[in-house]
């Protein structure tokens, strides 16, 4: 029984000491640290706000790039259609030249056909490049949107930290004032 009473008294004393220490007034160092934390959190908020602004600018630029790429693809597709029609016409001219038997007409029709094929290949290559650019710009925009979300989340966390630091600072200041009175 004495042992149980001894343990109980020791536990009660320990609890009393811990509770007593927790209500001690804040030191000047605590107040200084709270102010420093508050300053740092405000600076983090400013940086996060700046990052959000930059992310929004990047998203706007990516959107403009995507629109431009879509226009380029549409133009290339139109050029490809024109080249295919021109190629059909060049093939018909070559058939007509063979029917006429005129060697200069055949040579001119062949050159026209080769030029039409080269134009078609170049336009197909341009469209592939524009499709690749469109895919890359969409990927960039997705990454920028993700960055924007992360920066907004960081700013919310920093806002919470500022509120907590203010509460801590006010608590420490009021504890110091009550100690001084």
C-alpha atoms as a PDB file:
ATOM      1  CA  UNK A   1       0.000   0.000   0.000  1.00  0.00           C
ATOM      2  CA  UNK A   2       2.841   2.365   0.828  1.00  0.00           C
ATOM      3  CA  UNK A   3       4.321   1.654  -2.556  1.00  0.00           C
ATOM      4  CA  UNK A   4       1.058   2.490  -4.334  1.00  0.00           C
ATOM      5  CA  UNK A   5       0.681   5.662  -2.318  1.00  0.00           C
ATOM      6  CA  UNK A   6       4.278   6.640  -3.104  1.00  0.00           C
ATOM      7  CA  UNK A   7       3.728   6.169  -6.824  1.00  0.00           C
ATOM      8  CA  UNK A   8       0.478   8.099  -6.700  1.00  0.00           C
ATOM      9  CA  UNK A   9       2.078  10.997  -4.836  1.00  0.00           C
ATOM     10  CA  UNK A  10       5.025  11.023  -7.268  1.00  0.00           C
ATOM     11  CA  UNK A  11       2.685  11.019 -10.269  1.00  0.00           C
ATOM     12  CA  UNK A  12       0.579  13.816  -8.776  1.00  0.00           C
ATOM     13  CA  UNK A  13       3.697  15.907  -8.115  1.00  0.00           C
ATOM     14  CA  UNK A  14       4.944  15.333 -11.662  1.00  0.00           C
ATOM     15  CA  UNK A  15       1.615  16.382 -13.096  1.00  0.00           C
ATOM     16  CA  UNK A  16       1.572  19.480 -10.897  1.00  0.00           C
ATOM     17  CA  UNK A  17       5.084  20.443 -12.038  1.00  0.00           C
ATOM     18  CA  UNK A  18       4.215  19.953 -15.721  1.00  0.00           C
ATOM     19  CA  UNK A  19       1.001  21.963 -15.379  1.00  0.00           C
ATOM     20  CA  UNK A  20       2.844  24.649 -13.449  1.00  0.00           C
ATOM     21  CA  UNK A  21       5.524  24.946 -16.117  1.00  0.00           C
ATOM     22  CA  UNK A  22       2.995  25.177 -18.892  1.00  0.00           C
ATOM     23  CA  UNK A  23       1.357  28.238 -17.357  1.00  0.00           C
ATOM     24  CA  UNK A  24       4.598  30.088 -16.735  1.00  0.00           C
ATOM     25  CA  UNK A  25       4.716  33.428 -18.500  1.00  0.00           C
ATOM     26  CA  UNK A  26       6.371  33.537 -21.882  1.00  0.00           C
ATOM     27  CA  UNK A  27       9.929  34.710 -22.065  1.00  0.00           C
ATOM     28  CA  UNK A  28      11.176  37.451 -24.346  1.00  0.00           C
ATOM     29  CA  UNK A  29      12.772  34.756 -26.479  1.00  0.00           C
ATOM     30  CA  UNK A  30       9.338  33.153 -27.085  1.00  0.00           C
ATOM     31  CA  UNK A  31       7.893  36.476 -28.193  1.00  0.00           C
ATOM     32  CA  UNK A  32      10.881  37.124 -30.444  1.00  0.00           C
ATOM     33  CA  UNK A  33      10.551  33.660 -32.001  1.00  0.00           C
ATOM     34  CA  UNK A  34       6.818  34.163 -32.547  1.00  0.00           C
ATOM     35  CA  UNK A  35       7.443  37.469 -34.314  1.00  0.00           C
ATOM     36  CA  UNK A  36      10.155  35.914 -36.440  1.00  0.00           C
ATOM     37  CA  UNK A  37       7.835  33.022 -37.367  1.00  0.00           C
ATOM     38  CA  UNK A  38       5.122  35.484 -38.260  1.00  0.00           C
ATOM     39  CA  UNK A  39       7.484  37.479 -40.480  1.00  0.00           C
ATOM     40  CA  UNK A  40       8.689  34.320 -42.214  1.00  0.00           C
ATOM     41  CA  UNK A  41       5.143  33.099 -42.827  1.00  0.00           C
ATOM     42  CA  UNK A  42       4.135  36.471 -44.278  1.00  0.00           C
ATOM     43  CA  UNK A  43       7.150  36.319 -46.577  1.00  0.00           C
ATOM     44  CA  UNK A  44       6.115  32.796 -47.623  1.00  0.00           C
ATOM     45  CA  UNK A  45       2.639  34.087 -48.439  1.00  0.00           C
ATOM     46  CA  UNK A  46       4.087  36.857 -50.605  1.00  0.00           C
ATOM     47  CA  UNK A  47       6.260  34.332 -52.432  1.00  0.00           C
ATOM     48  CA  UNK A  48       3.326  31.950 -52.913  1.00  0.00           C
ATOM     49  CA  UNK A  49       1.193  34.803 -54.255  1.00  0.00           C
ATOM     50  CA  UNK A  50       3.975  35.697 -56.685  1.00  0.00           C
ATOM     51  CA  UNK A  51       4.250  32.044 -57.771  1.00  0.00           C
ATOM     52  CA  UNK A  52       0.487  31.888 -58.322  1.00  0.00           C
ATOM     53  CA  UNK A  53       0.648  35.000 -60.482  1.00  0.00           C
ATOM     54  CA  UNK A  54       3.473  33.502 -62.565  1.00  0.00           C
ATOM     55  CA  UNK A  55       1.609  30.194 -62.926  1.00  0.00           C
ATOM     56  CA  UNK A  56      -1.467  32.018 -64.188  1.00  0.00           C
ATOM     57  CA  UNK A  57       0.663  33.886 -66.726  1.00  0.00           C
ATOM     58  CA  UNK A  58       2.203  30.601 -67.865  1.00  0.00           C
ATOM     59  CA  UNK A  59      -1.245  29.058 -68.272  1.00  0.00           C
ATOM     60  CA  UNK A  60      -2.408  32.041 -70.348  1.00  0.00           C
ATOM     61  CA  UNK A  61       0.672  31.763 -72.550  1.00  0.00           C
ATOM     62  CA  UNK A  62       0.190  28.015 -72.969  1.00  0.00           C
ATOM     63  CA  UNK A  63      -3.443  28.604 -73.929  1.00  0.00           C
ATOM     64  CA  UNK A  64      -2.348  31.131 -76.569  1.00  0.00           C
ATOM     65  CA  UNK A  65       0.225  28.636 -77.855  1.00  0.00           C
ATOM     66  CA  UNK A  66      -2.409  25.908 -78.047  1.00  0.00           C
ATOM     67  CA  UNK A  67      -4.744  28.175 -80.032  1.00  0.00           C
ATOM     68  CA  UNK A  68      -1.898  29.031 -82.393  1.00  0.00           C
ATOM     69  CA  UNK A  69      -1.008  25.369 -82.826  1.00  0.00           C
ATOM     70  CA  UNK A  70      -4.625  24.512 -83.619  1.00  0.00           C
ATOM     71  CA  UNK A  71      -4.698  27.254 -86.251  1.00  0.00           C
ATOM     72  CA  UNK A  72      -1.428  25.977 -87.728  1.00  0.00           C
ATOM     73  CA  UNK A  73      -2.827  22.445 -87.891  1.00  0.00           C
ATOM     74  CA  UNK A  74      -5.979  23.710 -89.598  1.00  0.00           C
ATOM     75  CA  UNK A  75      -3.880  25.633 -92.164  1.00  0.00           C
ATOM     76  CA  UNK A  76      -1.644  22.617 -92.758  1.00  0.00           C
ATOM     77  CA  UNK A  77      -4.685  20.387 -93.216  1.00  0.00           C
ATOM     78  CA  UNK A  78      -6.075  22.837 -95.760  1.00  0.00           C
ATOM     79  CA  UNK A  79      -2.702  22.899 -97.564  1.00  0.00           C
ATOM     80  CA  UNK A  80      -2.645  19.092 -97.598  1.00  0.00           C
ATOM     81  CA  UNK A  81      -6.104  19.001 -99.196  1.00  0.00           C
ATOM     82  CA  UNK A  82      -4.977  21.504-101.828  1.00  0.00           C
ATOM     83  CA  UNK A  83      -1.807  19.477-102.472  1.00  0.00           C
ATOM     84  CA  UNK A  84      -3.820  16.293-102.896  1.00  0.00           C
ATOM     85  CA  UNK A  85      -6.119  18.012-105.398  1.00  0.00           C
ATOM     86  CA  UNK A  86      -3.063  19.395-107.210  1.00  0.00           C
ATOM     87  CA  UNK A  87      -1.525  15.904-107.184  1.00  0.00           C
ATOM     88  CA  UNK A  88      -4.692  14.457-108.731  1.00  0.00           C
ATOM     89  CA  UNK A  89      -4.551  17.164-111.382  1.00  0.00           C
ATOM     90  CA  UNK A  90      -0.835  16.473-112.046  1.00  0.00           C
ATOM     91  CA  UNK A  91      -1.559  12.754-112.458  1.00  0.00           C
ATOM     92  CA  UNK A  92      -4.312  13.558-114.923  1.00  0.00           C
ATOM     93  CA  UNK A  93      -1.946  15.871-116.837  1.00  0.00           C
ATOM     94  CA  UNK A  94       0.643  13.072-116.962  1.00  0.00           C
ATOM     95  CA  UNK A  95      -1.955  10.638-118.333  1.00  0.00           C
ATOM     96  CA  UNK A  96      -3.016  13.203-120.911  1.00  0.00           C
ATOM     97  CA  UNK A  97       0.643  13.851-121.831  1.00  0.00           C
ATOM     98  CA  UNK A  98       1.226  10.118-122.353  1.00  0.00           C
ATOM     99  CA  UNK A  99      -1.837   9.981-124.565  1.00  0.00           C
ATOM    100  CA  UNK A 100      -0.576  12.923-126.626  1.00  0.00           C
ATOM    101  CA  UNK A 101       2.910  11.419-126.938  1.00  0.00           C
ATOM    102  CA  UNK A 102       4.620  14.827-126.668  1.00  0.00           C
ATOM    103  CA  UNK A 103       7.964  14.334-124.815  1.00  0.00           C
ATOM    104  CA  UNK A 104       8.116  17.930-123.481  1.00  0.00           C
ATOM    105  CA  UNK A 105       4.561  17.655-122.134  1.00  0.00           C
ATOM    106  CA  UNK A 106       5.436  14.325-120.476  1.00  0.00           C
ATOM    107  CA  UNK A 107       8.571  15.843-118.922  1.00  0.00           C
ATOM    108  CA  UNK A 108       6.634  18.904-117.656  1.00  0.00           C
ATOM    109  CA  UNK A 109       3.851  16.676-116.250  1.00  0.00           C
ATOM    110  CA  UNK A 110       6.417  14.495-114.421  1.00  0.00           C
ATOM    111  CA  UNK A 111       8.089  17.552-112.909  1.00  0.00           C
ATOM    112  CA  UNK A 112       4.704  18.897-111.850  1.00  0.00           C
ATOM    113  CA  UNK A 113       3.875  15.540-110.274  1.00  0.00           C
ATOM    114  CA  UNK A 114       7.210  15.426-108.397  1.00  0.00           C
ATOM    115  CA  UNK A 115       6.724  18.996-107.187  1.00  0.00           C
ATOM    116  CA  UNK A 116       3.208  18.138-105.987  1.00  0.00           C
ATOM    117  CA  UNK A 117       4.507  15.094-104.095  1.00  0.00           C
ATOM    118  CA  UNK A 118       7.271  17.156-102.472  1.00  0.00           C
ATOM    119  CA  UNK A 119       4.752  19.829-101.433  1.00  0.00           C
ATOM    120  CA  UNK A 120       2.474  17.166 -99.948  1.00  0.00           C
ATOM    121  CA  UNK A 121       5.355  15.587 -97.999  1.00  0.00           C
ATOM    122  CA  UNK A 122       6.451  18.972 -96.661  1.00  0.00           C
ATOM    123  CA  UNK A 123       2.916  19.878 -95.589  1.00  0.00           C
ATOM    124  CA  UNK A 124       2.461  16.498 -93.902  1.00  0.00           C
ATOM    125  CA  UNK A 125       5.754  17.015 -92.088  1.00  0.00           C
ATOM    126  CA  UNK A 126       4.679  20.511 -91.000  1.00  0.00           C
ATOM    127  CA  UNK A 127       1.382  19.187 -89.672  1.00  0.00           C
ATOM    128  CA  UNK A 128       3.146  16.423 -87.716  1.00  0.00           C
ATOM    129  CA  UNK A 129       5.393  19.069 -86.165  1.00  0.00           C
ATOM    130  CA  UNK A 130       2.392  21.230 -85.285  1.00  0.00           C
ATOM    131  CA  UNK A 131       0.592  18.253 -83.731  1.00  0.00           C
ATOM    132  CA  UNK A 132       3.716  17.548 -81.671  1.00  0.00           C
ATOM    133  CA  UNK A 133       3.845  21.208 -80.596  1.00  0.00           C
ATOM    134  CA  UNK A 134       0.176  21.071 -79.635  1.00  0.00           C
ATOM    135  CA  UNK A 135       0.753  17.963 -77.531  1.00  0.00           C
ATOM    136  CA  UNK A 136       3.751  19.582 -75.802  1.00  0.00           C
ATOM    137  CA  UNK A 137       1.855  22.809 -75.128  1.00  0.00           C
ATOM    138  CA  UNK A 138      -1.062  20.879 -73.637  1.00  0.00           C
ATOM    139  CA  UNK A 139       1.377  18.983 -71.450  1.00  0.00           C
ATOM    140  CA  UNK A 140       2.980  22.259 -70.342  1.00  0.00           C
ATOM    141  CA  UNK A 141      -0.416  23.710 -69.497  1.00  0.00           C
ATOM    142  CA  UNK A 142      -1.323  20.645 -67.435  1.00  0.00           C
ATOM    143  CA  UNK A 143       1.957  20.996 -65.529  1.00  0.00           C
ATOM    144  CA  UNK A 144       1.302  24.709 -64.963  1.00  0.00           C
ATOM    145  CA  UNK A 145      -2.211  23.995 -63.688  1.00  0.00           C
ATOM    146  CA  UNK A 146      -0.745  21.438 -61.303  1.00  0.00           C
ATOM    147  CA  UNK A 147       1.833  23.988 -60.113  1.00  0.00           C
ATOM    148  CA  UNK A 148      -0.950  26.528 -59.605  1.00  0.00           C
ATOM    149  CA  UNK A 149      -2.904  24.107 -57.429  1.00  0.00           C
ATOM    150  CA  UNK A 150       0.198  23.328 -55.357  1.00  0.00           C
ATOM    151  CA  UNK A 151       1.006  27.019 -54.905  1.00  0.00           C
ATOM    152  CA  UNK A 152      -2.569  27.754 -53.821  1.00  0.00           C
ATOM    153  CA  UNK A 153      -2.368  24.895 -51.328  1.00  0.00           C
ATOM    154  CA  UNK A 154       0.953  26.240 -50.010  1.00  0.00           C
ATOM    155  CA  UNK A 155      -0.538  29.701 -49.611  1.00  0.00           C
ATOM    156  CA  UNK A 156      -3.512  28.300 -47.679  1.00  0.00           C
ATOM    157  CA  UNK A 157      -1.108  26.448 -45.366  1.00  0.00           C
ATOM    158  CA  UNK A 158       0.930  29.625 -44.882  1.00  0.00           C
ATOM    159  CA  UNK A 159      -2.273  31.562 -44.109  1.00  0.00           C
ATOM    160  CA  UNK A 160      -3.046  28.993 -41.420  1.00  0.00           C
ATOM    161  CA  UNK A 161       0.486  29.317 -40.081  1.00  0.00           C
ATOM    162  CA  UNK A 162       0.137  33.088 -39.889  1.00  0.00           C
ATOM    163  CA  UNK A 163      -3.104  32.788 -37.931  1.00  0.00           C
ATOM    164  CA  UNK A 164      -1.488  30.291 -35.557  1.00  0.00           C
ATOM    165  CA  UNK A 165       1.598  32.493 -35.139  1.00  0.00           C
ATOM    166  CA  UNK A 166      -0.614  35.476 -34.340  1.00  0.00           C
ATOM    167  CA  UNK A 167      -2.458  33.462 -31.710  1.00  0.00           C
ATOM    168  CA  UNK A 168       0.857  32.323 -30.220  1.00  0.00           C
ATOM    169  CA  UNK A 169       2.215  35.856 -30.216  1.00  0.00           C
ATOM    170  CA  UNK A 170      -0.883  37.287 -28.549  1.00  0.00           C
ATOM    171  CA  UNK A 171      -0.868  34.488 -25.977  1.00  0.00           C
ATOM    172  CA  UNK A 172       2.820  35.054 -25.182  1.00  0.00           C
ATOM    173  CA  UNK A 173       2.421  38.827 -25.014  1.00  0.00           C
ATOM    174  CA  UNK A 174      -0.583  38.635 -22.718  1.00  0.00           C
ATOM    175  CA  UNK A 175       1.267  36.142 -20.497  1.00  0.00           C
ATOM    176  CA  UNK A 176       4.210  38.533 -20.302  1.00  0.00           C
ATOM    177  CA  UNK A 177       1.978  41.483 -19.474  1.00  0.00           C
ATOM    178  CA  UNK A 178       0.260  39.601 -16.675  1.00  0.00           C
ATOM    179  CA  UNK A 179       3.688  38.635 -15.314  1.00  0.00           C
ATOM    180  CA  UNK A 180       4.867  42.244 -15.333  1.00  0.00           C
ATOM    181  CA  UNK A 181       1.777  43.522 -13.497  1.00  0.00           C
END
